[in-house]
Amino acid sequence: MSRTTYRGTPKAGLYTRLSVDDGYVDRESNSITSQKQMLTQFAEYHGIEIVETYVDDGWSGTNFERPDFKRMIADIESGKINTVITKDLSRLGRDYLQTGYYTDMYFPSKRVRYIAISDGIDTSTGYNEMAPFKNLFNDFYARDISKKIRSTLTTKARAGIYHSTVPPFGYRKSPADSHMLLRDEETAPIVIKMYELSASGRGPAAIANYLRAEKIPIPAYWHHVRGERAWQGYKGEGNAANYRWFDTTVRSILQHEVYIGNLVAQRQTHIFKVGKSFVRPREEWVVVEDVFEPLVERELWERVQESFANPTRSRKRTGRASIFSGMVFCDTCNRRISFVPERAEKIYVGSCMEYRKIGRQGCTPHRIYEQDLHDAVLKDIREWAKLALKDEKAVLTKVMEHENRNKADTGAAIEKKFSLEKRLGEVEKVIAKLYEDYALGKAGADEIDLLLPKYRKEQGELKEQLALFQEESNEQRETAQNAEKWVALIRQYSDLQELTAGIIRELITKIYVGDVRKVDGEKVQSIEIHYRFIGSLSDGAGK
């Protein structure tokens, strides 16, 4: 740090900075007010004119893109100031290389006098040998604090403690506990509407258009008017910018797990000093389930996620997409059936993507008209719906029979389970008797060592087999619950006249289409519908 000479009267800029990376022990002594007081007194005592004061409150010392720091540099360039005063070197910055650049190169080149009061640095008096070491120490300190902060936030997240400054759209922070989120009655209905629109087949761009048309304010507007976070784009009430939704914002809301009550943290990692964040792999996220009140049902949320996994691709030429886009698959190669317009773009025809890509070397056409698939699916839905209205128990029985057709005979399974429970009881009595005889002196150690391991092993094997039976029993119970959900859902569509993309996604998870083949001289084609909750109910209906 060389001696700095400057022309004219010293015109000082007082620079102050404070952030979380300055720790908690010395935050009071480093407060902006305390820094201003010290710098002002120093300048007045030494007869230095104070031209401007710069404040970067809440900005890390490792980041040199601070607003007032940049303003100070601009004032140096314009000649407004020729002296910079800080409390110490760490106020200027905590990055060893960057801070050294300003103190050793930039300030001298601009003939700017730099003073760090607590560190005894004044470039007008010459080189300070300790300055590089202080810069290096500040750099190490910032790294250490950064690691500790990340560790603390991770620990809090795993404990289910919400620690972000701004609540997610649709929630407000609890007045009693800022680490908890509560449903926001003003914005939660907007989030729910977005999910409903997505489940009905609308994409993020279409939903954004809908929200703009309805003049529904964007999240930034709500945060700004509530004082949660300033929005520089705010131009007053009624301004068009307040309703300028983008598909990226919609997509982010539709894919966030907070709306089913989960706390999700550590999604991004910040590279020290680089100033960039990167999304971490999903397995590295901290996810704690059922922390907050969910705004949408899990089934609806999962249905929306399915729509992102199987996106509907619109056709620019026709302005619409097939209602089955993303839902239909080849039953031979499992690739998607893609629908494209034919005959003056009025008729859609689906075919196997693998076949379209490499021909018969990859697969066969599996060609099907959208209207034919529509009629077949509509017919199947209406038949099941009418049967569910007429005889709900009969439909539930059919569903359960279909689910259990490949499983062992129920009666035999119950008998086997009873036999295992009986034998387990006998073995445990034998083990207890062995311990009792040993305690009473009726059995010696050699006899115990010989018999006990044998019965302990059998006891463990019996428990494992019974655990498998219990697991199957739980699956049976879950299957029965899902069957009831499906019956309650499909019975609403007994009078359905026309399919829509939304109805298809509400009732169905996927459809498998077979290739056209001849049976007894007639062309047939299998269509296997996988319904939500229960899967397929047939081996493929002929068309």
Protein backbone atom coordinates (compact mmCIF):
# COMPACT_ATOMS: atom_id res chain seq x y z
CA MET A 1 0.00 0.00 0.00
CA SER A 2 1.97 3.00 -1.28
CA ARG A 3 1.81 6.63 -0.17
CA THR A 4 -1.02 8.51 -1.94
CA THR A 5 -0.72 12.14 -2.99
CA TYR A 6 -3.79 14.09 -4.00
CA ARG A 7 -4.58 17.56 -5.18
CA GLY A 8 -6.66 20.23 -3.47
CA THR A 9 -8.71 20.07 -0.29
CA PRO A 10 -9.57 16.57 1.02
CA LYS A 11 -13.15 15.80 0.01
CA ALA A 12 -14.22 12.70 1.88
CA GLY A 13 -16.73 10.00 1.33
CA LEU A 14 -17.61 8.12 4.54
CA TYR A 15 -18.30 4.47 3.70
CA THR A 16 -20.23 2.20 6.11
CA ARG A 17 -21.35 -1.42 5.72
CA LEU A 18 -23.00 -4.08 7.88
CA SER A 19 -24.32 -7.59 7.17
CA VAL A 20 -24.92 -11.00 8.72
CA ASP A 21 -21.39 -12.07 7.80
CA ASP A 22 -20.09 -9.60 10.39
CA GLY A 23 -21.21 -11.95 13.16
CA TYR A 24 -23.41 -11.24 16.14
CA VAL A 25 -20.93 -10.43 18.92
CA ASP A 26 -19.64 -7.21 17.34
CA ARG A 27 -22.76 -6.14 15.44
CA GLU A 28 -23.60 -3.43 18.00
CA SER A 29 -20.14 -1.83 17.81
CA ASN A 30 -20.24 -2.20 14.01
CA SER A 31 -23.76 -0.77 13.62
CA ILE A 32 -24.26 1.80 10.88
CA THR A 33 -24.97 4.49 13.48
CA SER A 34 -21.78 3.69 15.39
CA GLN A 35 -19.71 3.71 12.20
CA LYS A 36 -21.12 7.07 11.05
CA GLN A 37 -20.41 8.61 14.43
CA MET A 38 -16.79 7.42 14.45
CA LEU A 39 -16.10 8.49 10.86
CA THR A 40 -17.70 11.92 11.33
CA GLN A 41 -15.73 12.64 14.49
CA PHE A 42 -12.48 11.58 12.81
CA ALA A 43 -13.07 13.76 9.75
CA GLU A 44 -14.03 16.81 11.83
CA TYR A 45 -11.03 16.42 14.15
CA HIS A 46 -8.64 16.26 11.17
CA GLY A 47 -10.34 19.05 9.25
CA ILE A 48 -11.51 16.83 6.39
CA GLU A 49 -14.57 18.01 4.50
CA ILE A 50 -17.38 15.41 4.40
CA VAL A 51 -18.94 15.45 0.95
CA GLU A 52 -21.03 12.26 0.98
CA THR A 53 -21.93 9.29 3.21
CA TYR A 54 -22.42 5.83 1.72
CA VAL A 55 -24.39 3.08 3.47
CA ASP A 56 -24.64 -0.59 2.43
CA ASP A 57 -26.77 -2.13 5.17
CA GLY A 58 -27.32 -5.88 4.77
CA TRP A 59 -24.64 -6.42 2.12
CA SER A 60 -21.91 -9.05 2.45
CA GLY A 61 -18.30 -7.92 2.39
CA THR A 62 -17.52 -10.64 -0.17
CA ASN A 63 -19.84 -8.99 -2.68
CA PHE A 64 -18.55 -5.83 -4.38
CA GLU A 65 -21.78 -5.27 -6.34
CA ARG A 66 -23.15 -3.26 -3.41
CA PRO A 67 -25.33 -0.29 -4.44
CA ASP A 68 -23.66 2.43 -2.39
CA PHE A 69 -20.16 1.05 -2.96
CA LYS A 70 -20.76 1.37 -6.70
CA ARG A 71 -22.14 4.88 -6.15
CA MET A 72 -18.96 5.77 -4.25
CA ILE A 73 -16.78 4.48 -7.11
CA ALA A 74 -18.84 6.57 -9.55
CA ASP A 75 -18.23 9.67 -7.38
CA ILE A 76 -14.49 8.93 -7.40
CA GLU A 77 -14.56 8.70 -11.20
CA SER A 78 -16.39 12.02 -11.47
CA GLY A 79 -14.00 13.72 -9.05
CA LYS A 80 -16.68 14.41 -6.44
CA ILE A 81 -14.54 12.81 -3.68
CA ASN A 82 -10.81 12.15 -3.35
CA THR A 83 -10.76 10.55 0.11
CA VAL A 84 -12.44 7.38 1.40
CA ILE A 85 -12.77 6.72 5.13
CA THR A 86 -13.98 3.45 6.71
CA LYS A 87 -14.00 2.15 10.28
CA ASP A 88 -11.66 -0.70 9.32
CA LEU A 89 -10.57 -2.72 6.29
CA SER A 90 -13.37 -5.27 6.70
CA ARG A 91 -15.96 -2.49 6.12
CA LEU A 92 -14.43 -1.95 2.67
CA GLY A 93 -14.55 -5.68 1.93
CA ARG A 94 -13.78 -9.19 3.14
CA ASP A 95 -12.46 -10.61 -0.11
CA TYR A 96 -8.66 -10.71 0.04
CA LEU A 97 -8.02 -10.19 -3.69
CA GLN A 98 -10.75 -7.62 -4.38
CA THR A 99 -10.03 -5.52 -1.29
CA GLY A 100 -6.31 -5.59 -2.09
CA TYR A 101 -7.08 -4.41 -5.63
CA TYR A 102 -8.87 -1.28 -4.36
CA THR A 103 -6.34 -0.41 -1.63
CA ASP A 104 -3.16 -1.19 -3.60
CA MET A 105 -4.14 -0.40 -7.20
CA TYR A 106 -7.42 1.43 -7.77
CA PHE A 107 -7.19 4.12 -5.07
CA PRO A 108 -3.53 4.99 -5.83
CA SER A 109 -4.24 5.12 -9.59
CA LYS A 110 -7.06 7.60 -8.96
CA ARG A 111 -4.95 9.53 -6.40
CA VAL A 112 -7.53 8.77 -3.71
CA ARG A 113 -6.51 8.82 -0.06
CA TYR A 114 -7.81 5.81 1.87
CA ILE A 115 -8.16 5.73 5.66
CA ALA A 116 -9.16 2.71 7.81
CA ILE A 117 -9.33 4.22 11.32
CA SER A 118 -9.27 1.14 13.60
CA ASP A 119 -6.54 -0.57 11.56
CA GLY A 120 -4.30 2.52 11.59
CA ILE A 121 -4.19 2.74 7.78
CA ASP A 122 -3.77 6.08 6.01
CA THR A 123 -2.33 5.99 2.49
CA SER A 124 -1.17 9.59 2.79
CA THR A 125 1.47 8.47 5.33
CA GLY A 126 2.78 5.49 3.28
CA TYR A 127 2.70 1.67 3.20
CA ASN A 128 1.15 -0.35 6.04
CA GLU A 129 2.78 -3.79 6.19
CA MET A 130 -0.12 -5.31 8.13
CA ALA A 131 -2.80 -4.39 5.57
CA PRO A 132 -2.38 -7.51 3.34
CA PHE A 133 -2.52 -9.77 6.40
CA LYS A 134 -5.65 -8.01 7.67
CA ASN A 135 -7.26 -8.48 4.24
CA LEU A 136 -6.40 -12.18 4.30
CA PHE A 137 -7.75 -12.56 7.84
CA ASN A 138 -11.01 -10.83 6.84
CA ASP A 139 -11.31 -13.23 3.86
CA PHE A 140 -10.88 -16.30 6.10
CA TYR A 141 -13.34 -14.85 8.60
CA ALA A 142 -15.99 -14.37 5.89
CA ARG A 143 -15.52 -17.97 4.69
CA ASP A 144 -15.91 -19.30 8.23
CA ILE A 145 -19.04 -17.22 8.92
CA SER A 146 -20.54 -18.32 5.58
CA LYS A 147 -20.10 -22.00 6.49
CA LYS A 148 -21.59 -21.48 9.95
CA ILE A 149 -24.62 -19.65 8.56
CA ARG A 150 -25.29 -22.43 6.01
CA SER A 151 -24.96 -25.07 8.75
CA THR A 152 -27.36 -23.18 11.02
CA LEU A 153 -29.95 -22.75 8.27
CA THR A 154 -29.72 -26.44 7.35
CA THR A 155 -30.22 -27.47 11.00
CA LYS A 156 -33.25 -25.19 11.31
CA ALA A 157 -34.75 -26.51 8.08
CA ARG A 158 -34.41 -30.13 9.21
CA ALA A 159 -36.24 -29.17 12.40
CA GLY A 160 -39.11 -27.82 10.28
CA ILE A 161 -38.31 -24.15 10.98
CA TYR A 162 -39.06 -21.75 8.13
CA HIS A 163 -36.38 -19.06 7.89
CA SER A 164 -36.85 -17.19 4.61
CA THR A 165 -37.49 -13.45 4.77
CA VAL A 166 -40.47 -13.40 2.38
CA PRO A 167 -43.32 -15.95 2.66
CA PRO A 168 -44.31 -17.97 -0.43
CA PHE A 169 -47.18 -16.56 -2.48
CA GLY A 170 -50.43 -17.75 -0.88
CA TYR A 171 -49.09 -17.65 2.68
CA ARG A 172 -48.46 -15.05 5.40
CA LYS A 173 -46.04 -15.35 8.29
CA SER A 174 -47.66 -16.09 11.62
CA PRO A 175 -47.80 -12.99 13.90
CA ALA A 176 -47.01 -15.24 16.85
CA ASP A 177 -44.09 -17.10 15.22
CA SER A 178 -42.32 -15.75 12.12
CA HIS A 179 -40.95 -19.25 11.42
CA MET A 180 -44.45 -20.57 10.71
CA LEU A 181 -46.65 -19.97 7.67
CA LEU A 182 -50.39 -19.43 7.67
CA ARG A 183 -52.89 -19.50 4.82
CA ASP A 184 -53.38 -16.04 3.30
CA GLU A 185 -57.07 -15.60 2.62
CA GLU A 186 -56.41 -12.99 -0.10
CA THR A 187 -53.86 -14.86 -2.22
CA ALA A 188 -54.43 -18.55 -1.39
CA PRO A 189 -57.53 -18.70 -3.68
CA ILE A 190 -55.32 -17.47 -6.55
CA VAL A 191 -52.88 -20.35 -6.01
CA ILE A 192 -55.74 -22.86 -5.85
CA LYS A 193 -57.22 -21.46 -9.08
CA MET A 194 -53.84 -21.85 -10.80
CA TYR A 195 -53.68 -25.52 -9.83
CA GLU A 196 -57.24 -26.12 -11.00
CA LEU A 197 -56.49 -24.49 -14.36
CA SER A 198 -53.34 -26.59 -14.74
CA ALA A 199 -55.21 -29.79 -13.92
CA SER A 200 -57.82 -28.90 -16.54
CA GLY A 201 -55.13 -28.94 -19.22
CA ARG A 202 -53.91 -25.33 -19.37
CA GLY A 203 -50.16 -24.76 -19.56
CA PRO A 204 -48.19 -22.10 -17.62
CA ALA A 205 -48.34 -19.59 -20.49
CA ALA A 206 -52.13 -19.97 -20.83
CA ILE A 207 -52.57 -19.58 -17.06
CA ALA A 208 -50.38 -16.44 -17.10
CA ASN A 209 -52.58 -15.02 -19.87
CA TYR A 210 -55.71 -15.78 -17.83
CA LEU A 211 -54.31 -14.05 -14.73
CA ARG A 212 -53.32 -10.99 -16.76
CA ALA A 213 -56.77 -10.80 -18.35
CA GLU A 214 -58.44 -11.05 -14.93
CA LYS A 215 -56.12 -8.30 -13.59
CA ILE A 216 -54.87 -10.43 -10.74
CA PRO A 217 -51.77 -8.82 -9.14
CA ILE A 218 -48.44 -10.65 -9.31
CA PRO A 219 -46.59 -11.88 -6.16
CA ALA A 220 -44.14 -8.93 -6.25
CA TYR A 221 -47.09 -6.53 -5.95
CA TRP A 222 -48.46 -8.26 -2.85
CA HIS A 223 -45.05 -8.38 -1.15
CA HIS A 224 -44.49 -4.69 -1.92
CA VAL A 225 -47.82 -3.29 -0.69
CA ARG A 226 -47.53 -5.38 2.47
CA GLY A 227 -44.01 -4.19 3.20
CA GLU A 228 -42.52 -7.69 2.94
CA ARG A 229 -40.09 -6.86 0.12
CA ALA A 230 -39.61 -3.71 -1.97
CA TRP A 231 -40.41 -3.96 -5.68
CA GLN A 232 -38.71 -1.38 -7.84
CA GLY A 233 -41.18 -2.03 -10.66
CA TYR A 234 -44.10 -0.70 -8.62
CA LYS A 235 -45.64 2.30 -10.42
CA GLY A 236 -48.76 2.76 -8.33
CA GLU A 237 -52.18 1.13 -8.14
CA GLY A 238 -53.77 0.11 -11.43
CA ASN A 239 -50.51 0.07 -13.38
CA ALA A 240 -50.28 -2.72 -15.99
CA ALA A 241 -47.01 -3.97 -14.47
CA ASN A 242 -48.97 -5.10 -11.39
CA TYR A 243 -50.68 -7.79 -13.50
CA ARG A 244 -47.76 -8.82 -15.74
CA TRP A 245 -47.62 -12.56 -15.05
CA PHE A 246 -45.00 -14.73 -16.77
CA ASP A 247 -45.09 -18.49 -17.39
CA THR A 248 -41.88 -18.94 -15.36
CA THR A 249 -43.61 -17.51 -12.26
CA VAL A 250 -46.64 -19.74 -12.80
CA ARG A 251 -44.47 -22.81 -13.32
CA SER A 252 -42.53 -22.11 -10.11
CA ILE A 253 -45.74 -21.90 -8.07
CA LEU A 254 -47.22 -25.01 -9.67
CA GLN A 255 -44.11 -27.09 -8.87
CA HIS A 256 -43.44 -25.91 -5.31
CA GLU A 257 -44.03 -28.48 -2.56
CA VAL A 258 -44.89 -25.82 0.03
CA TYR A 259 -48.45 -25.89 -1.34
CA ILE A 260 -48.92 -29.45 -0.03
CA GLY A 261 -47.52 -28.39 3.35
CA ASN A 262 -43.87 -29.36 2.88
CA LEU A 263 -40.90 -27.28 3.94
CA VAL A 264 -38.27 -27.32 1.19
CA ALA A 265 -34.86 -25.77 1.85
CA GLN A 266 -31.28 -25.87 0.57
CA ARG A 267 -32.44 -26.10 -3.05
CA GLN A 268 -29.56 -23.90 -4.14
CA THR A 269 -25.90 -23.63 -3.25
CA HIS A 270 -24.04 -20.33 -3.26
CA ILE A 271 -20.43 -20.40 -4.39
CA PHE A 272 -18.34 -18.28 -2.04
CA LYS A 273 -17.19 -14.96 -3.56
CA VAL A 274 -18.34 -15.91 -7.07
CA GLY A 275 -21.77 -14.46 -6.35
CA LYS A 276 -23.69 -17.15 -8.25
CA SER A 277 -26.15 -19.76 -7.06
CA PHE A 278 -26.75 -23.17 -8.58
CA VAL A 279 -29.63 -25.61 -8.13
CA ARG A 280 -28.59 -28.65 -6.13
CA PRO A 281 -29.57 -32.23 -7.06
CA ARG A 282 -32.97 -33.15 -5.62
CA GLU A 283 -31.44 -35.70 -3.22
CA GLU A 284 -29.46 -32.91 -1.52
CA TRP A 285 -32.52 -30.79 -0.70
CA VAL A 286 -33.90 -30.63 2.82
CA VAL A 287 -37.57 -31.66 2.64
CA VAL A 288 -39.73 -31.91 5.77
CA GLU A 289 -43.29 -33.06 5.12
CA ASP A 290 -46.51 -31.78 6.68
CA VAL A 291 -45.07 -28.65 8.33
CA PHE A 292 -47.62 -26.11 7.07
CA GLU A 293 -51.32 -26.10 6.23
CA PRO A 294 -51.56 -27.30 2.60
CA LEU A 295 -53.33 -25.04 0.11
CA VAL A 296 -54.06 -27.83 -2.40
CA GLU A 297 -54.88 -31.51 -2.05
CA ARG A 298 -51.93 -33.83 -2.62
CA GLU A 299 -53.83 -35.68 -5.37
CA LEU A 300 -54.37 -32.40 -7.26
CA TRP A 301 -50.72 -31.40 -6.78
CA GLU A 302 -49.50 -34.78 -8.09
CA ARG A 303 -51.84 -34.53 -11.08
CA VAL A 304 -50.30 -31.16 -11.94
CA GLN A 305 -46.79 -32.61 -11.64
CA GLU A 306 -47.84 -35.36 -14.07
CA SER A 307 -48.84 -32.68 -16.57
CA PHE A 308 -45.28 -31.29 -16.40
CA ALA A 309 -43.83 -34.77 -16.88
CA ASN A 310 -46.10 -35.30 -19.91
CA PRO A 311 -46.49 -31.81 -21.38
CA THR A 312 -49.17 -30.97 -23.92
CA ARG A 313 -47.48 -29.72 -27.07
CA SER A 314 -49.51 -27.17 -28.98
CA ARG A 315 -49.53 -27.06 -32.76
CA LYS A 316 -48.71 -23.65 -34.25
CA ARG A 317 -50.52 -24.44 -37.48
CA THR A 318 -53.87 -25.35 -35.94
CA GLY A 319 -53.68 -23.38 -32.70
CA ARG A 320 -54.64 -26.44 -30.63
CA ALA A 321 -53.22 -29.70 -29.39
CA SER A 322 -54.77 -33.13 -29.17
CA ILE A 323 -56.69 -33.66 -25.94
CA PHE A 324 -54.68 -36.87 -25.53
CA SER A 325 -51.23 -35.26 -25.90
CA GLY A 326 -48.79 -36.69 -23.40
CA MET A 327 -51.25 -39.35 -22.19
CA VAL A 328 -51.05 -42.13 -24.80
CA PHE A 329 -48.25 -44.73 -25.12
CA CYS A 330 -47.27 -47.57 -27.43
CA ASP A 331 -47.95 -50.96 -25.82
CA THR A 332 -44.92 -52.48 -27.58
CA CYS A 333 -42.02 -50.08 -26.95
CA ASN A 334 -43.60 -47.78 -24.32
CA ARG A 335 -42.74 -44.67 -26.33
CA ARG A 336 -45.30 -41.89 -26.56
CA ILE A 337 -48.01 -41.87 -29.22
CA SER A 338 -47.72 -38.48 -30.94
CA PHE A 339 -50.79 -36.86 -32.53
CA VAL A 340 -50.38 -34.72 -35.65
CA PRO A 341 -53.01 -33.05 -37.88
CA GLU A 342 -53.93 -34.54 -41.24
CA ARG A 343 -56.47 -33.82 -44.01
CA ALA A 344 -56.39 -30.04 -44.14
CA GLU A 345 -55.41 -30.02 -40.47
CA LYS A 346 -58.87 -31.00 -39.23
CA ILE A 347 -58.20 -34.59 -38.22
CA TYR A 348 -55.57 -35.71 -35.73
CA VAL A 349 -53.84 -39.08 -36.10
CA GLY A 350 -51.56 -40.66 -33.51
CA SER A 351 -48.59 -42.95 -34.16
CA CYS A 352 -45.66 -44.42 -32.24
CA MET A 353 -42.76 -41.97 -31.83
CA GLU A 354 -40.21 -44.79 -32.20
CA TYR A 355 -41.78 -45.83 -35.50
CA ARG A 356 -41.85 -42.24 -36.73
CA LYS A 357 -38.21 -41.82 -35.80
CA ILE A 358 -36.55 -44.92 -37.32
CA GLY A 359 -39.37 -46.85 -39.01
CA ARG A 360 -40.10 -50.57 -38.63
CA GLN A 361 -36.61 -51.23 -37.33
CA GLY A 362 -37.74 -49.55 -34.13
CA CYS A 363 -41.44 -50.43 -33.85
CA THR A 364 -44.73 -50.68 -35.77
CA PRO A 365 -47.10 -47.72 -36.51
CA HIS A 366 -49.72 -48.21 -33.77
CA ARG A 367 -51.74 -45.72 -35.82
CA ILE A 368 -54.98 -44.47 -34.29
CA TYR A 369 -57.36 -41.62 -35.09
CA GLU A 370 -57.97 -39.16 -32.26
CA GLN A 371 -61.73 -39.42 -32.77
CA ASP A 372 -61.68 -43.23 -32.56
CA LEU A 373 -59.69 -43.07 -29.33
CA HIS A 374 -62.05 -40.39 -28.02
CA ASP A 375 -65.11 -42.58 -28.70
CA ALA A 376 -63.54 -45.69 -27.14
CA VAL A 377 -62.41 -43.89 -23.97
CA LEU A 378 -65.71 -42.01 -23.63
CA LYS A 379 -67.63 -45.29 -23.94
CA ASP A 380 -65.51 -47.00 -21.29
CA ILE A 381 -65.87 -44.10 -18.85
CA ARG A 382 -69.65 -43.93 -19.29
CA GLU A 383 -70.09 -47.69 -18.86
CA TRP A 384 -68.10 -47.76 -15.62
CA ALA A 385 -69.84 -44.61 -14.38
CA LYS A 386 -73.33 -46.03 -15.01
CA LEU A 387 -72.38 -49.31 -13.34
CA ALA A 388 -71.02 -47.41 -10.33
CA LEU A 389 -74.30 -45.50 -10.01
CA LYS A 390 -76.38 -48.63 -10.35
CA ASP A 391 -74.37 -51.02 -8.15
CA GLU A 392 -71.40 -49.48 -6.33
CA LYS A 393 -70.61 -52.70 -4.43
CA ALA A 394 -70.41 -54.68 -7.65
CA VAL A 395 -67.87 -52.24 -9.09
CA LEU A 396 -65.80 -52.28 -5.90
CA THR A 397 -65.80 -56.08 -6.04
CA LYS A 398 -64.64 -56.05 -9.67
CA VAL A 399 -61.82 -53.64 -8.84
CA MET A 400 -60.64 -55.74 -5.90
CA GLU A 401 -60.85 -58.96 -7.91
CA HIS A 402 -58.81 -57.42 -10.71
CA GLU A 403 -56.20 -56.22 -8.21
CA ASN A 404 -55.93 -59.61 -6.53
CA ARG A 405 -56.13 -61.86 -9.59
CA ASN A 406 -52.38 -62.49 -9.66
CA LYS A 407 -52.08 -62.92 -5.91
CA ALA A 408 -52.31 -66.07 -3.89
CA ASP A 409 -55.75 -67.41 -2.98
CA THR A 410 -57.13 -65.31 -0.13
CA GLY A 411 -58.45 -68.28 1.84
CA ALA A 412 -55.14 -70.14 1.59
CA ALA A 413 -53.26 -66.99 2.61
CA ILE A 414 -55.41 -66.55 5.73
CA GLU A 415 -54.87 -70.19 6.67
CA LYS A 416 -51.09 -69.84 6.20
CA LYS A 417 -51.02 -66.70 8.34
CA PHE A 418 -52.95 -68.45 11.11
CA SER A 419 -50.50 -71.36 10.99
CA LEU A 420 -47.50 -69.03 11.26
CA GLU A 421 -49.00 -67.14 14.22
CA LYS A 422 -49.73 -70.41 16.00
CA ARG A 423 -46.19 -71.72 15.48
CA LEU A 424 -44.70 -68.37 16.61
CA GLY A 425 -46.67 -68.61 19.85
CA GLU A 426 -45.35 -72.14 20.43
CA VAL A 427 -41.73 -71.15 19.78
CA GLU A 428 -41.93 -68.15 22.12
CA LYS A 429 -43.33 -70.40 24.86
CA VAL A 430 -40.40 -72.80 24.36
CA ILE A 431 -37.89 -69.92 24.59
CA ALA A 432 -39.54 -68.65 27.78
CA LYS A 433 -39.48 -72.20 29.25
CA LEU A 434 -35.77 -72.56 28.48
CA TYR A 435 -34.99 -69.34 30.38
CA GLU A 436 -37.20 -70.46 33.28
CA ASP A 437 -35.55 -73.91 33.51
CA TYR A 438 -32.11 -72.32 33.42
CA ALA A 439 -33.06 -69.91 36.21
CA LEU A 440 -34.43 -72.75 38.37
CA GLY A 441 -31.43 -74.96 37.69
CA LYS A 442 -33.43 -77.50 35.69
CA ALA A 443 -31.35 -76.92 32.55
CA GLY A 444 -27.62 -76.40 32.25
CA ALA A 445 -25.70 -73.83 30.19
CA ASP A 446 -24.74 -76.41 27.56
CA GLU A 447 -28.37 -77.28 26.93
CA ILE A 448 -29.32 -73.61 26.66
CA ASP A 449 -26.44 -72.91 24.25
CA LEU A 450 -27.57 -75.80 22.07
CA LEU A 451 -31.32 -75.15 21.92
CA LEU A 452 -31.75 -71.39 22.29
CA PRO A 453 -30.03 -70.31 19.01
CA LYS A 454 -32.16 -72.79 17.08
CA TYR A 455 -35.46 -71.44 18.44
CA ARG A 456 -34.30 -67.82 18.21
CA LYS A 457 -33.57 -68.32 14.51
CA GLU A 458 -36.99 -69.88 13.89
CA GLN A 459 -38.62 -67.05 15.84
CA GLY A 460 -36.95 -64.46 13.60
CA GLU A 461 -37.96 -66.28 10.39
CA LEU A 462 -41.58 -66.53 11.53
CA LYS A 463 -41.72 -62.83 12.37
CA GLU A 464 -40.33 -61.94 8.94
CA GLN A 465 -43.00 -64.03 7.19
CA LEU A 466 -45.75 -62.50 9.29
CA ALA A 467 -44.41 -59.02 8.52
CA LEU A 468 -44.82 -59.80 4.80
CA PHE A 469 -48.41 -60.84 5.42
CA GLN A 470 -49.01 -57.59 7.32
CA GLU A 471 -47.53 -55.60 4.43
CA GLU A 472 -49.87 -57.35 2.00
CA SER A 473 -52.75 -56.63 4.34
CA ASN A 474 -51.85 -52.93 4.34
CA GLU A 475 -51.70 -52.99 0.55
CA GLN A 476 -55.15 -54.59 0.47
CA ARG A 477 -56.49 -51.85 2.72
CA GLU A 478 -54.91 -49.15 0.51
CA THR A 479 -56.33 -50.81 -2.60
CA ALA A 480 -59.81 -50.81 -1.08
CA GLN A 481 -59.49 -47.10 -0.20
CA ASN A 482 -58.31 -46.24 -3.71
CA ALA A 483 -61.17 -48.24 -5.22
CA GLU A 484 -63.65 -46.20 -3.18
CA LYS A 485 -62.03 -42.95 -4.34
CA TRP A 486 -62.24 -44.04 -7.97
CA VAL A 487 -65.88 -45.08 -7.73
CA ALA A 488 -66.80 -41.75 -6.09
CA LEU A 489 -64.97 -39.93 -8.89
CA ILE A 490 -66.17 -41.79 -11.98
CA ARG A 491 -69.83 -42.05 -11.06
CA GLN A 492 -70.12 -38.31 -11.74
CA TYR A 493 -69.60 -38.94 -15.47
CA SER A 494 -72.47 -41.27 -16.37
CA ASP A 495 -73.97 -38.64 -18.71
CA LEU A 496 -70.67 -37.41 -20.14
CA GLN A 497 -71.07 -36.35 -23.77
CA GLU A 498 -67.67 -34.98 -24.73
CA LEU A 499 -64.14 -35.53 -23.45
CA THR A 500 -61.79 -32.65 -22.64
CA ALA A 501 -58.11 -32.65 -21.75
CA GLY A 502 -59.04 -31.73 -18.17
CA ILE A 503 -61.47 -34.64 -17.74
CA ILE A 504 -58.99 -37.08 -19.23
CA ARG A 505 -56.29 -35.99 -16.78
CA GLU A 506 -58.69 -36.09 -13.86
CA LEU A 507 -59.78 -39.67 -14.51
CA ILE A 508 -56.84 -41.28 -16.32
CA THR A 509 -53.07 -41.52 -15.79
CA LYS A 510 -52.14 -43.11 -19.14
CA ILE A 511 -53.52 -45.06 -22.09
CA TYR A 512 -51.75 -47.87 -23.96
CA VAL A 513 -52.61 -48.42 -27.62
CA GLY A 514 -51.81 -51.60 -29.53
CA ASP A 515 -51.07 -51.99 -33.22
CA VAL A 516 -53.89 -52.76 -35.63
CA ARG A 517 -54.25 -56.51 -36.24
CA LYS A 518 -56.74 -58.87 -37.89
CA VAL A 519 -58.88 -61.25 -35.87
CA ASP A 520 -61.28 -63.49 -37.83
CA GLY A 521 -60.81 -61.23 -40.83
CA GLU A 522 -61.66 -58.05 -38.94
CA LYS A 523 -59.31 -55.25 -37.91
CA VAL A 524 -59.06 -54.78 -34.14
CA GLN A 525 -56.92 -52.59 -31.94
CA SER A 526 -56.40 -52.88 -28.18
CA ILE A 527 -56.84 -49.83 -25.95
CA GLU A 528 -55.83 -50.24 -22.32
CA ILE A 529 -56.95 -47.43 -20.03
CA HIS A 530 -55.14 -46.87 -16.73
CA TYR A 531 -57.51 -45.06 -14.41
CA ARG A 532 -56.40 -42.86 -11.55
CA PHE A 533 -56.17 -44.66 -8.18
CA ILE A 534 -56.73 -48.18 -9.57
CA GLY A 535 -54.83 -48.66 -12.84
CA SER A 536 -56.12 -50.88 -15.63
CA LEU A 537 -59.35 -52.85 -15.32
CA SER A 538 -58.93 -54.98 -18.44
CA ASP A 539 -56.39 -56.65 -20.68
CA GLY A 540 -57.19 -54.18 -23.47
CA ALA A 541 -60.55 -53.44 -25.01
CA GLY A 542 -60.88 -54.28 -28.67
CA LYS A 543 -61.90 -51.54 -31.05
